[in-house]
Amino acid sequence: MTHKEPHPLAGKTVVLNNNAFDPCRGIVEAGEEFEVIDWWDAISNNASWTIAQNSNFAAAHYGFRLGEREKLVSPLPYDDEVVYGHIGAFGHLVHTTELGGVANATKA
């Protein structure tokens, strides 16, 4: 599936929800602020994250997280409902089911 429109949260910073879990690096975790750039396929010339695993660290890390989650906690869907964004200075892929509310809205 190729996303034709930008992700509704593109350009916003969200707080990752309790579904976020990173068994390997401990970075993509619940409570972390994640700056949403856009759908992964939109910024990668309509390519699935599964194709980019050999050449892109963010895609490889996401694939590892997906596999490890399946062993340790509830699995994420194996689809392309994945967004690219930043936690701090580094890029990561996050499944839409890991996205929480807009960060500014939670800091009332």
PDB file of N, CA and C in Angstrom:
ATOM      1  N   MET A   1       0.839  -1.184   0.000  1.00  0.00           N
ATOM      2  CA  MET A   1       0.000   0.000   0.000  1.00  0.00           C
ATOM      3  C   MET A   1       0.878   1.238   0.000  1.00  0.00           C
ATOM      4  N   THR A   2       0.586   2.135  -0.887  1.00  0.00           N
ATOM      5  CA  THR A   2       1.298   3.403  -0.941  1.00  0.00           C
ATOM      6  C   THR A   2       0.374   4.502  -0.436  1.00  0.00           C
ATOM      7  N   HIS A   3       0.878   5.284   0.490  1.00  0.00           N
ATOM      8  CA  HIS A   3       0.083   6.377   1.040  1.00  0.00           C
ATOM      9  C   HIS A   3       0.179   7.585   0.118  1.00  0.00           C
ATOM     10  N   LYS A   4      -0.957   8.080  -0.313  1.00  0.00           N
ATOM     11  CA  LYS A   4      -1.008   9.202  -1.253  1.00  0.00           C
ATOM     12  C   LYS A   4      -1.010  10.559  -0.543  1.00  0.00           C
ATOM     13  N   GLU A   5      -1.521  10.608   0.665  1.00  0.00           N
ATOM     14  CA  GLU A   5      -1.599  11.841   1.449  1.00  0.00           C
ATOM     15  C   GLU A   5      -0.581  11.786   2.587  1.00  0.00           C
ATOM     16  N   PRO A   6      -0.089  12.935   3.030  1.00  0.00           N
ATOM     17  CA  PRO A   6       0.822  12.938   4.182  1.00  0.00           C
ATOM     18  C   PRO A   6       0.128  12.362   5.417  1.00  0.00           C
ATOM     19  N   HIS A   7       0.910  11.817   6.309  1.00  0.00           N
ATOM     20  CA  HIS A   7       0.353  11.312   7.557  1.00  0.00           C
ATOM     21  C   HIS A   7      -0.294  12.486   8.302  1.00  0.00           C
ATOM     22  N   PRO A   8      -1.439  12.281   8.932  1.00  0.00           N
ATOM     23  CA  PRO A   8      -2.126  13.385   9.625  1.00  0.00           C
ATOM     24  C   PRO A   8      -1.293  14.035  10.728  1.00  0.00           C
ATOM     25  N   LEU A   9      -0.311  13.325  11.267  1.00  0.00           N
ATOM     26  CA  LEU A   9       0.532  13.880  12.326  1.00  0.00           C
ATOM     27  C   LEU A   9       1.891  14.360  11.818  1.00  0.00           C
ATOM     28  N   ALA A  10       2.087  14.359  10.494  1.00  0.00           N
ATOM     29  CA  ALA A  10       3.369  14.803   9.930  1.00  0.00           C
ATOM     30  C   ALA A  10       3.675  16.224  10.402  1.00  0.00           C
ATOM     31  N   GLY A  11       4.903  16.407  10.883  1.00  0.00           N
ATOM     32  CA  GLY A  11       5.328  17.713  11.370  1.00  0.00           C
ATOM     33  C   GLY A  11       5.024  17.943  12.841  1.00  0.00           C
ATOM     34  N   LYS A  12       4.362  16.982  13.480  1.00  0.00           N
ATOM     35  CA  LYS A  12       4.029  17.119  14.891  1.00  0.00           C
ATOM     36  C   LYS A  12       4.876  16.151  15.716  1.00  0.00           C
ATOM     37  N   THR A  13       5.020  16.460  16.976  1.00  0.00           N
ATOM     38  CA  THR A  13       5.699  15.573  17.907  1.00  0.00           C
ATOM     39  C   THR A  13       4.647  14.913  18.777  1.00  0.00           C
ATOM     40  N   VAL A  14       4.713  13.591  18.844  1.00  0.00           N
ATOM     41  CA  VAL A  14       3.768  12.824  19.653  1.00  0.00           C
ATOM     42  C   VAL A  14       4.519  12.102  20.758  1.00  0.00           C
ATOM     43  N   VAL A  15       3.771  11.644  21.735  1.00  0.00           N
ATOM     44  CA  VAL A  15       4.321  10.799  22.786  1.00  0.00           C
ATOM     45  C   VAL A  15       3.963   9.364  22.426  1.00  0.00           C
ATOM     46  N   LEU A  16       4.953   8.488  22.379  1.00  0.00           N
ATOM     47  CA  LEU A  16       4.682   7.092  22.059  1.00  0.00           C
ATOM     48  C   LEU A  16       3.845   6.468  23.169  1.00  0.00           C
ATOM     49  N   ASN A  17       2.873   5.657  22.774  1.00  0.00           N
ATOM     50  CA  ASN A  17       1.962   5.065  23.752  1.00  0.00           C
ATOM     51  C   ASN A  17       2.541   3.780  24.359  1.00  0.00           C
ATOM     52  N   ASN A  18       1.755   3.121  25.191  1.00  0.00           N
ATOM     53  CA  ASN A  18       2.219   1.929  25.901  1.00  0.00           C
ATOM     54  C   ASN A  18       2.451   0.728  24.992  1.00  0.00           C
ATOM     55  N   ASN A  19       2.090   0.836  23.729  1.00  0.00           N
ATOM     56  CA  ASN A  19       2.348  -0.237  22.772  1.00  0.00           C
ATOM     57  C   ASN A  19       3.788  -0.189  22.251  1.00  0.00           C
ATOM     58  N   ALA A  20       4.484   0.931  22.438  1.00  0.00           N
ATOM     59  CA  ALA A  20       5.864   1.072  21.965  1.00  0.00           C
ATOM     60  C   ALA A  20       6.807   0.280  22.870  1.00  0.00           C
ATOM     61  N   PHE A  21       7.674  -0.507  22.244  1.00  0.00           N
ATOM     62  CA  PHE A  21       8.591  -1.360  22.993  1.00  0.00           C
ATOM     63  C   PHE A  21       9.821  -1.626  22.140  1.00  0.00           C
ATOM     64  N   ASP A  22      10.987  -1.441  22.728  1.00  0.00           N
ATOM     65  CA  ASP A  22      12.251  -1.598  22.009  1.00  0.00           C
ATOM     66  C   ASP A  22      13.180  -2.509  22.802  1.00  0.00           C
ATOM     67  N   PRO A  23      13.117  -3.811  22.564  1.00  0.00           N
ATOM     68  CA  PRO A  23      13.914  -4.747  23.355  1.00  0.00           C
ATOM     69  C   PRO A  23      15.413  -4.696  23.074  1.00  0.00           C
ATOM     70  N   CYS A  24      15.808  -4.105  21.955  1.00  0.00           N
ATOM     71  CA  CYS A  24      17.233  -4.148  21.621  1.00  0.00           C
ATOM     72  C   CYS A  24      17.985  -2.892  22.030  1.00  0.00           C
ATOM     73  N   ARG A  25      17.394  -1.723  21.860  1.00  0.00           N
ATOM     74  CA  ARG A  25      18.138  -0.495  22.138  1.00  0.00           C
ATOM     75  C   ARG A  25      17.493   0.346  23.224  1.00  0.00           C
ATOM     76  N   GLY A  26      16.249   0.065  23.578  1.00  0.00           N
ATOM     77  CA  GLY A  26      15.575   0.814  24.631  1.00  0.00           C
ATOM     78  C   GLY A  26      15.303   2.262  24.286  1.00  0.00           C
ATOM     79  N   ILE A  27      15.169   2.574  23.000  1.00  0.00           N
ATOM     80  CA  ILE A  27      14.953   3.958  22.571  1.00  0.00           C
ATOM     81  C   ILE A  27      13.504   4.190  22.176  1.00  0.00           C
ATOM     82  N   VAL A  28      12.944   3.313  21.379  1.00  0.00           N
ATOM     83  CA  VAL A  28      11.564   3.462  20.907  1.00  0.00           C
ATOM     84  C   VAL A  28      10.661   2.868  21.983  1.00  0.00           C
ATOM     85  N   GLU A  29      10.420   3.639  23.026  1.00  0.00           N
ATOM     86  CA  GLU A  29       9.704   3.164  24.207  1.00  0.00           C
ATOM     87  C   GLU A  29       8.529   4.082  24.534  1.00  0.00           C
ATOM     88  N   ALA A  30       7.578   3.548  25.268  1.00  0.00           N
ATOM     89  CA  ALA A  30       6.442   4.339  25.737  1.00  0.00           C
ATOM     90  C   ALA A  30       6.929   5.582  26.480  1.00  0.00           C
ATOM     91  N   GLY A  31       6.291   6.706  26.198  1.00  0.00           N
ATOM     92  CA  GLY A  31       6.636   7.964  26.858  1.00  0.00           C
ATOM     93  C   GLY A  31       7.656   8.809  26.120  1.00  0.00           C
ATOM     94  N   GLU A  32       8.359   8.228  25.155  1.00  0.00           N
ATOM     95  CA  GLU A  32       9.342   8.996  24.376  1.00  0.00           C
ATOM     96  C   GLU A  32       8.627   9.928  23.409  1.00  0.00           C
ATOM     97  N   GLU A  33       9.210  11.094  23.187  1.00  0.00           N
ATOM     98  CA  GLU A  33       8.671  12.021  22.196  1.00  0.00           C
ATOM     99  C   GLU A  33       9.220  11.644  20.819  1.00  0.00           C
ATOM    100  N   PHE A  34       8.315  11.563  19.855  1.00  0.00           N
ATOM    101  CA  PHE A  34       8.636  11.127  18.505  1.00  0.00           C
ATOM    102  C   PHE A  34       8.136  12.181  17.528  1.00  0.00           C
ATOM    103  N   GLU A  35       9.069  12.791  16.793  1.00  0.00           N
ATOM    104  CA  GLU A  35       8.720  13.787  15.780  1.00  0.00           C
ATOM    105  C   GLU A  35       8.362  13.058  14.485  1.00  0.00           C
ATOM    106  N   VAL A  36       7.100  13.115  14.105  1.00  0.00           N
ATOM    107  CA  VAL A  36       6.622  12.413  12.919  1.00  0.00           C
ATOM    108  C   VAL A  36       7.020  13.204  11.676  1.00  0.00           C
ATOM    109  N   ILE A  37       7.759  12.557  10.773  1.00  0.00           N
ATOM    110  CA  ILE A  37       8.126  13.180   9.497  1.00  0.00           C
ATOM    111  C   ILE A  37       7.044  12.867   8.469  1.00  0.00           C
ATOM    112  N   ASP A  38       6.797  11.591   8.199  1.00  0.00           N
ATOM    113  CA  ASP A  38       5.739  11.188   7.265  1.00  0.00           C
ATOM    114  C   ASP A  38       5.721   9.664   7.177  1.00  0.00           C
ATOM    115  N   TRP A  39       4.789   9.167   6.374  1.00  0.00           N
ATOM    116  CA  TRP A  39       4.750   7.739   6.096  1.00  0.00           C
ATOM    117  C   TRP A  39       6.100   7.304   5.549  1.00  0.00           C
ATOM    118  N   TRP A  40       6.576   6.129   5.942  1.00  0.00           N
ATOM    119  CA  TRP A  40       7.843   5.628   5.424  1.00  0.00           C
ATOM    120  C   TRP A  40       7.801   5.498   3.907  1.00  0.00           C
ATOM    121  N   ASP A  41       6.724   4.922   3.362  1.00  0.00           N
ATOM    122  CA  ASP A  41       6.684   4.718   1.915  1.00  0.00           C
ATOM    123  C   ASP A  41       6.664   6.039   1.149  1.00  0.00           C
ATOM    124  N   ALA A  42       6.138   7.084   1.760  1.00  0.00           N
ATOM    125  CA  ALA A  42       6.091   8.394   1.093  1.00  0.00           C
ATOM    126  C   ALA A  42       7.478   9.027   0.975  1.00  0.00           C
ATOM    127  N   ILE A  43       8.339   8.773   1.952  1.00  0.00           N
ATOM    128  CA  ILE A  43       9.669   9.386   1.901  1.00  0.00           C
ATOM    129  C   ILE A  43      10.722   8.460   1.309  1.00  0.00           C
ATOM    130  N   SER A  44      10.324   7.233   0.982  1.00  0.00           N
ATOM    131  CA  SER A  44      11.294   6.273   0.447  1.00  0.00           C
ATOM    132  C   SER A  44      10.917   5.818  -0.961  1.00  0.00           C
ATOM    133  N   ASN A  45      10.399   6.726  -1.747  1.00  0.00           N
ATOM    134  CA  ASN A  45      10.025   6.420  -3.133  1.00  0.00           C
ATOM    135  C   ASN A  45       9.052   5.250  -3.231  1.00  0.00           C
ATOM    136  N   ASN A  46       8.058   5.260  -2.335  1.00  0.00           N
ATOM    137  CA  ASN A  46       6.986   4.264  -2.325  1.00  0.00           C
ATOM    138  C   ASN A  46       7.461   2.846  -2.042  1.00  0.00           C
ATOM    139  N   ALA A  47       8.574   2.708  -1.358  1.00  0.00           N
ATOM    140  CA  ALA A  47       9.094   1.386  -1.020  1.00  0.00           C
ATOM    141  C   ALA A  47       8.647   0.970   0.377  1.00  0.00           C
ATOM    142  N   SER A  48       8.349  -0.293   0.519  1.00  0.00           N
ATOM    143  CA  SER A  48       8.016  -0.850   1.826  1.00  0.00           C
ATOM    144  C   SER A  48       9.252  -0.838   2.719  1.00  0.00           C
ATOM    145  N   TRP A  49       9.043  -0.730   4.016  1.00  0.00           N
ATOM    146  CA  TRP A  49      10.161  -0.815   4.961  1.00  0.00           C
ATOM    147  C   TRP A  49      10.858  -2.164   4.839  1.00  0.00           C
ATOM    148  N   THR A  50      10.134  -3.207   4.411  1.00  0.00           N
ATOM    149  CA  THR A  50      10.722  -4.541   4.305  1.00  0.00           C
ATOM    150  C   THR A  50      11.818  -4.604   3.244  1.00  0.00           C
ATOM    151  N   ILE A  51      11.715  -3.771   2.230  1.00  0.00           N
ATOM    152  CA  ILE A  51      12.719  -3.731   1.164  1.00  0.00           C
ATOM    153  C   ILE A  51      13.975  -3.003   1.630  1.00  0.00           C
ATOM    154  N   ALA A  52      13.812  -2.031   2.517  1.00  0.00           N
ATOM    155  CA  ALA A  52      14.922  -1.176   2.935  1.00  0.00           C
ATOM    156  C   ALA A  52      15.747  -1.750   4.083  1.00  0.00           C
ATOM    157  N   GLN A  53      15.385  -2.905   4.603  1.00  0.00           N
ATOM    158  CA  GLN A  53      16.073  -3.442   5.782  1.00  0.00           C
ATOM    159  C   GLN A  53      17.564  -3.650   5.583  1.00  0.00           C
ATOM    160  N   ASN A  54      17.994  -3.923   4.361  1.00  0.00           N
ATOM    161  CA  ASN A  54      19.412  -4.169   4.122  1.00  0.00           C
ATOM    162  C   ASN A  54      20.230  -2.895   3.965  1.00  0.00           C
ATOM    163  N   SER A  55      19.574  -1.769   3.719  1.00  0.00           N
ATOM    164  CA  SER A  55      20.335  -0.558   3.429  1.00  0.00           C
ATOM    165  C   SER A  55      19.998   0.624   4.333  1.00  0.00           C
ATOM    166  N   ASN A  56      19.039   0.481   5.232  1.00  0.00           N
ATOM    167  CA  ASN A  56      18.625   1.603   6.061  1.00  0.00           C
ATOM    168  C   ASN A  56      18.552   1.149   7.513  1.00  0.00           C
ATOM    169  N   PHE A  57      19.284   1.850   8.378  1.00  0.00           N
ATOM    170  CA  PHE A  57      19.318   1.441   9.787  1.00  0.00           C
ATOM    171  C   PHE A  57      17.940   1.492  10.434  1.00  0.00           C
ATOM    172  N   ALA A  58      17.173   2.542  10.169  1.00  0.00           N
ATOM    173  CA  ALA A  58      15.853   2.667  10.788  1.00  0.00           C
ATOM    174  C   ALA A  58      14.957   1.497  10.399  1.00  0.00           C
ATOM    175  N   ALA A  59      14.991   1.094   9.147  1.00  0.00           N
ATOM    176  CA  ALA A  59      14.176  -0.038   8.687  1.00  0.00           C
ATOM    177  C   ALA A  59      14.677  -1.351   9.288  1.00  0.00           C
ATOM    178  N   ALA A  60      15.985  -1.518   9.359  1.00  0.00           N
ATOM    179  CA  ALA A  60      16.550  -2.733   9.957  1.00  0.00           C
ATOM    180  C   ALA A  60      16.188  -2.822  11.436  1.00  0.00           C
ATOM    181  N   HIS A  61      16.296  -1.705  12.144  1.00  0.00           N
ATOM    182  CA  HIS A  61      15.956  -1.673  13.572  1.00  0.00           C
ATOM    183  C   HIS A  61      14.478  -1.972  13.780  1.00  0.00           C
ATOM    184  N   TYR A  62      13.626  -1.423  12.918  1.00  0.00           N
ATOM    185  CA  TYR A  62      12.192  -1.700  13.019  1.00  0.00           C
ATOM    186  C   TYR A  62      11.922  -3.192  12.805  1.00  0.00           C
ATOM    187  N   GLY A  63      12.554  -3.792  11.803  1.00  0.00           N
ATOM    188  CA  GLY A  63      12.387  -5.217  11.564  1.00  0.00           C
ATOM    189  C   GLY A  63      12.828  -6.052  12.751  1.00  0.00           C
ATOM    190  N   PHE A  64      13.922  -5.663  13.384  1.00  0.00           N
ATOM    191  CA  PHE A  64      14.389  -6.371  14.571  1.00  0.00           C
ATOM    192  C   PHE A  64      13.383  -6.217  15.707  1.00  0.00           C
ATOM    193  N   ARG A  65      12.916  -4.985  15.914  1.00  0.00           N
ATOM    194  CA  ARG A  65      11.914  -4.759  16.969  1.00  0.00           C
ATOM    195  C   ARG A  65      10.673  -5.601  16.727  1.00  0.00           C
ATOM    196  N   LEU A  66      10.246  -5.668  15.486  1.00  0.00           N
ATOM    197  CA  LEU A  66       9.058  -6.442  15.129  1.00  0.00           C
ATOM    198  C   LEU A  66       9.242  -7.909  15.505  1.00  0.00           C
ATOM    199  N   GLY A  67      10.387  -8.471  15.153  1.00  0.00           N
ATOM    200  CA  GLY A  67      10.665  -9.870  15.458  1.00  0.00           C
ATOM    201  C   GLY A  67      10.794 -10.146  16.940  1.00  0.00           C
ATOM    202  N   GLU A  68      11.489  -9.279  17.651  1.00  0.00           N
ATOM    203  CA  GLU A  68      11.670  -9.472  19.089  1.00  0.00           C
ATOM    204  C   GLU A  68      10.369  -9.281  19.860  1.00  0.00           C
ATOM    205  N   ARG A  69       9.561  -8.320  19.435  1.00  0.00           N
ATOM    206  CA  ARG A  69       8.269  -8.106  20.094  1.00  0.00           C
ATOM    207  C   ARG A  69       7.421  -9.363  20.032  1.00  0.00           C
ATOM    208  N   GLU A  70       7.484 -10.036  18.892  1.00  0.00           N
ATOM    209  CA  GLU A  70       6.679 -11.242  18.711  1.00  0.00           C
ATOM    210  C   GLU A  70       7.030 -12.295  19.754  1.00  0.00           C
ATOM    211  N   LYS A  71       8.312 -12.350  20.154  1.00  0.00           N
ATOM    212  CA  LYS A  71       8.754 -13.313  21.161  1.00  0.00           C
ATOM    213  C   LYS A  71       8.411 -12.870  22.581  1.00  0.00           C
ATOM    214  N   LEU A  72       8.455 -11.550  22.828  1.00  0.00           N
ATOM    215  CA  LEU A  72       8.403 -11.042  24.194  1.00  0.00           C
ATOM    216  C   LEU A  72       7.065 -10.437  24.614  1.00  0.00           C
ATOM    217  N   VAL A  73       6.424  -9.748  23.723  1.00  0.00           N
ATOM    218  CA  VAL A  73       5.137  -9.094  24.024  1.00  0.00           C
ATOM    219  C   VAL A  73       4.225  -9.262  22.815  1.00  0.00           C
ATOM    220  N   SER A  74       3.121  -8.561  22.812  1.00  0.00           N
ATOM    221  CA  SER A  74       2.194  -8.686  21.683  1.00  0.00           C
ATOM    222  C   SER A  74       2.843  -8.195  20.393  1.00  0.00           C
ATOM    223  N   PRO A  75       2.625  -8.907  19.293  1.00  0.00           N
ATOM    224  CA  PRO A  75       3.237  -8.516  18.018  1.00  0.00           C
ATOM    225  C   PRO A  75       2.581  -7.269  17.418  1.00  0.00           C
ATOM    226  N   LEU A  76       3.359  -6.568  16.629  1.00  0.00           N
ATOM    227  CA  LEU A  76       2.818  -5.471  15.823  1.00  0.00           C
ATOM    228  C   LEU A  76       2.320  -6.047  14.509  1.00  0.00           C
ATOM    229  N   PRO A  77       1.373  -5.386  13.863  1.00  0.00           N
ATOM    230  CA  PRO A  77       0.951  -5.849  12.541  1.00  0.00           C
ATOM    231  C   PRO A  77       2.123  -5.791  11.560  1.00  0.00           C
ATOM    232  N   TYR A  78       2.201  -6.760  10.676  1.00  0.00           N
ATOM    233  CA  TYR A  78       3.269  -6.810   9.679  1.00  0.00           C
ATOM    234  C   TYR A  78       2.727  -6.181   8.403  1.00  0.00           C
ATOM    235  N   ASP A  79       2.730  -4.843   8.386  1.00  0.00           N
ATOM    236  CA  ASP A  79       2.190  -4.113   7.248  1.00  0.00           C
ATOM    237  C   ASP A  79       2.985  -2.831   7.035  1.00  0.00           C
ATOM    238  N   ASP A  80       2.499  -1.971   6.156  1.00  0.00           N
ATOM    239  CA  ASP A  80       3.199  -0.725   5.852  1.00  0.00           C
ATOM    240  C   ASP A  80       2.546   0.501   6.483  1.00  0.00           C
ATOM    241  N   GLU A  81       1.844   0.312   7.583  1.00  0.00           N
ATOM    242  CA  GLU A  81       1.282   1.440   8.327  1.00  0.00           C
ATOM    243  C   GLU A  81       2.352   1.949   9.292  1.00  0.00           C
ATOM    244  N   VAL A  82       3.475   2.363   8.706  1.00  0.00           N
ATOM    245  CA  VAL A  82       4.682   2.712   9.436  1.00  0.00           C
ATOM    246  C   VAL A  82       5.095   4.133   9.076  1.00  0.00           C
ATOM    247  N   VAL A  83       5.455   4.907  10.099  1.00  0.00           N
ATOM    248  CA  VAL A  83       5.910   6.273   9.864  1.00  0.00           C
ATOM    249  C   VAL A  83       7.382   6.408  10.245  1.00  0.00           C
ATOM    250  N   TYR A  84       8.035   7.331   9.567  1.00  0.00           N
ATOM    251  CA  TYR A  84       9.420   7.667   9.869  1.00  0.00           C
ATOM    252  C   TYR A  84       9.406   8.945  10.684  1.00  0.00           C
ATOM    253  N   GLY A  85      10.306   9.013  11.649  1.00  0.00           N
ATOM    254  CA  GLY A  85      10.424  10.220  12.450  1.00  0.00           C
ATOM    255  C   GLY A  85      11.677  10.168  13.296  1.00  0.00           C
ATOM    256  N   HIS A  86      11.786  11.133  14.202  1.00  0.00           N
ATOM    257  CA  HIS A  86      12.984  11.249  15.031  1.00  0.00           C
ATOM    258  C   HIS A  86      12.657  11.147  16.515  1.00  0.00           C
ATOM    259  N   ILE A  87      13.524  10.455  17.213  1.00  0.00           N
ATOM    260  CA  ILE A  87      13.598  10.525  18.668  1.00  0.00           C
ATOM    261  C   ILE A  87      14.961  11.129  18.925  1.00  0.00           C
ATOM    262  N   GLY A  88      14.971  12.345  19.416  1.00  0.00           N
ATOM    263  CA  GLY A  88      16.230  13.068  19.512  1.00  0.00           C
ATOM    264  C   GLY A  88      16.742  13.343  18.109  1.00  0.00           C
ATOM    265  N   ALA A  89      18.018  13.061  17.873  1.00  0.00           N
ATOM    266  CA  ALA A  89      18.625  13.345  16.581  1.00  0.00           C
ATOM    267  C   ALA A  89      18.556  12.178  15.598  1.00  0.00           C
ATOM    268  N   PHE A  90      18.039  11.036  16.041  1.00  0.00           N
ATOM    269  CA  PHE A  90      18.113   9.831  15.216  1.00  0.00           C
ATOM    270  C   PHE A  90      16.762   9.419  14.658  1.00  0.00           C
ATOM    271  N   GLY A  91      16.792   8.863  13.423  1.00  0.00           N
ATOM    272  CA  GLY A  91      15.585   8.431  12.745  1.00  0.00           C
ATOM    273  C   GLY A  91      15.166   7.027  13.141  1.00  0.00           C
ATOM    274  N   HIS A  92      13.857   6.843  13.231  1.00  0.00           N
ATOM    275  CA  HIS A  92      13.288   5.544  13.592  1.00  0.00           C
ATOM    276  C   HIS A  92      12.005   5.329  12.814  1.00  0.00           C
ATOM    277  N   LEU A  93      11.618   4.070  12.678  1.00  0.00           N
ATOM    278  CA  LEU A  93      10.312   3.724  12.151  1.00  0.00           C
ATOM    279  C   LEU A  93       9.441   3.277  13.304  1.00  0.00           C
ATOM    280  N   VAL A  94       8.191   3.724  13.272  1.00  0.00           N
ATOM    281  CA  VAL A  94       7.234   3.402  14.320  1.00  0.00           C
ATOM    282  C   VAL A  94       5.920   3.018  13.653  1.00  0.00           C
ATOM    283  N   HIS A  95       5.303   1.957  14.133  1.00  0.00           N
ATOM    284  CA  HIS A  95       3.998   1.563  13.607  1.00  0.00           C
ATOM    285  C   HIS A  95       2.939   2.523  14.149  1.00  0.00           C
ATOM    286  N   THR A  96       1.909   2.769  13.355  1.00  0.00           N
ATOM    287  CA  THR A  96       0.875   3.721  13.778  1.00  0.00           C
ATOM    288  C   THR A  96       0.218   3.322  15.097  1.00  0.00           C
ATOM    289  N   THR A  97       0.212   2.037  15.432  1.00  0.00           N
ATOM    290  CA  THR A  97      -0.378   1.609  16.698  1.00  0.00           C
ATOM    291  C   THR A  97       0.486   1.973  17.901  1.00  0.00           C
ATOM    292  N   GLU A  98       1.699   2.492  17.664  1.00  0.00           N
ATOM    293  CA  GLU A  98       2.582   2.923  18.748  1.00  0.00           C
ATOM    294  C   GLU A  98       2.496   4.431  18.997  1.00  0.00           C
ATOM    295  N   LEU A  99       1.794   5.144  18.121  1.00  0.00           N
ATOM    296  CA  LEU A  99       1.702   6.601  18.249  1.00  0.00           C
ATOM    297  C   LEU A  99       0.661   6.995  19.271  1.00  0.00           C
ATOM    298  N   GLY A 100       1.030   7.919  20.144  1.00  0.00           N
ATOM    299  CA  GLY A 100       0.103   8.465  21.111  1.00  0.00           C
ATOM    300  C   GLY A 100      -0.333   9.858  20.692  1.00  0.00           C
ATOM    301  N   GLY A 101      -0.729  10.643  21.668  1.00  0.00           N
ATOM    302  CA  GLY A 101      -1.218  11.991  21.397  1.00  0.00           C
ATOM    303  C   GLY A 101      -0.096  12.981  21.126  1.00  0.00           C
ATOM    304  N   VAL A 102      -0.476  14.121  20.591  1.00  0.00           N
ATOM    305  CA  VAL A 102       0.464  15.194  20.305  1.00  0.00           C
ATOM    306  C   VAL A 102       1.106  15.649  21.617  1.00  0.00           C
ATOM    307  N   ALA A 103       2.422  15.801  21.616  1.00  0.00           N
ATOM    308  CA  ALA A 103       3.169  16.096  22.828  1.00  0.00           C
ATOM    309  C   ALA A 103       2.712  17.378  23.496  1.00  0.00           C
ATOM    310  N   ASN A 104       2.512  18.450  22.742  1.00  0.00           N
ATOM    311  CA  ASN A 104       2.096  19.712  23.328  1.00  0.00           C
ATOM    312  C   ASN A 104       0.742  19.601  24.003  1.00  0.00           C
ATOM    313  N   ALA A 105      -0.127  18.771  23.437  1.00  0.00           N
ATOM    314  CA  ALA A 105      -1.458  18.609  24.011  1.00  0.00           C
ATOM    315  C   ALA A 105      -1.409  17.884  25.344  1.00  0.00           C
ATOM    316  N   THR A 106      -0.374  17.071  25.567  1.00  0.00           N
ATOM    317  CA  THR A 106      -0.274  16.324  26.818  1.00  0.00           C
ATOM    318  C   THR A 106       0.412  17.132  27.918  1.00  0.00           C
ATOM    319  N   LYS A 107       0.988  18.286  27.559  1.00  0.00           N
ATOM    320  CA  LYS A 107       1.695  19.116  28.532  1.00  0.00           C
ATOM    321  C   LYS A 107       0.851  20.324  28.918  1.00  0.00           C
ATOM    322  N   ALA A 108      -0.356  20.102  29.311  1.00  0.00           N
ATOM    323  CA  ALA A 108      -1.267  21.204  29.633  1.00  0.00           C
ATOM    324  C   ALA A 108      -0.940  21.844  30.958  1.00  0.00           C
TER     325      ALA A 108
END
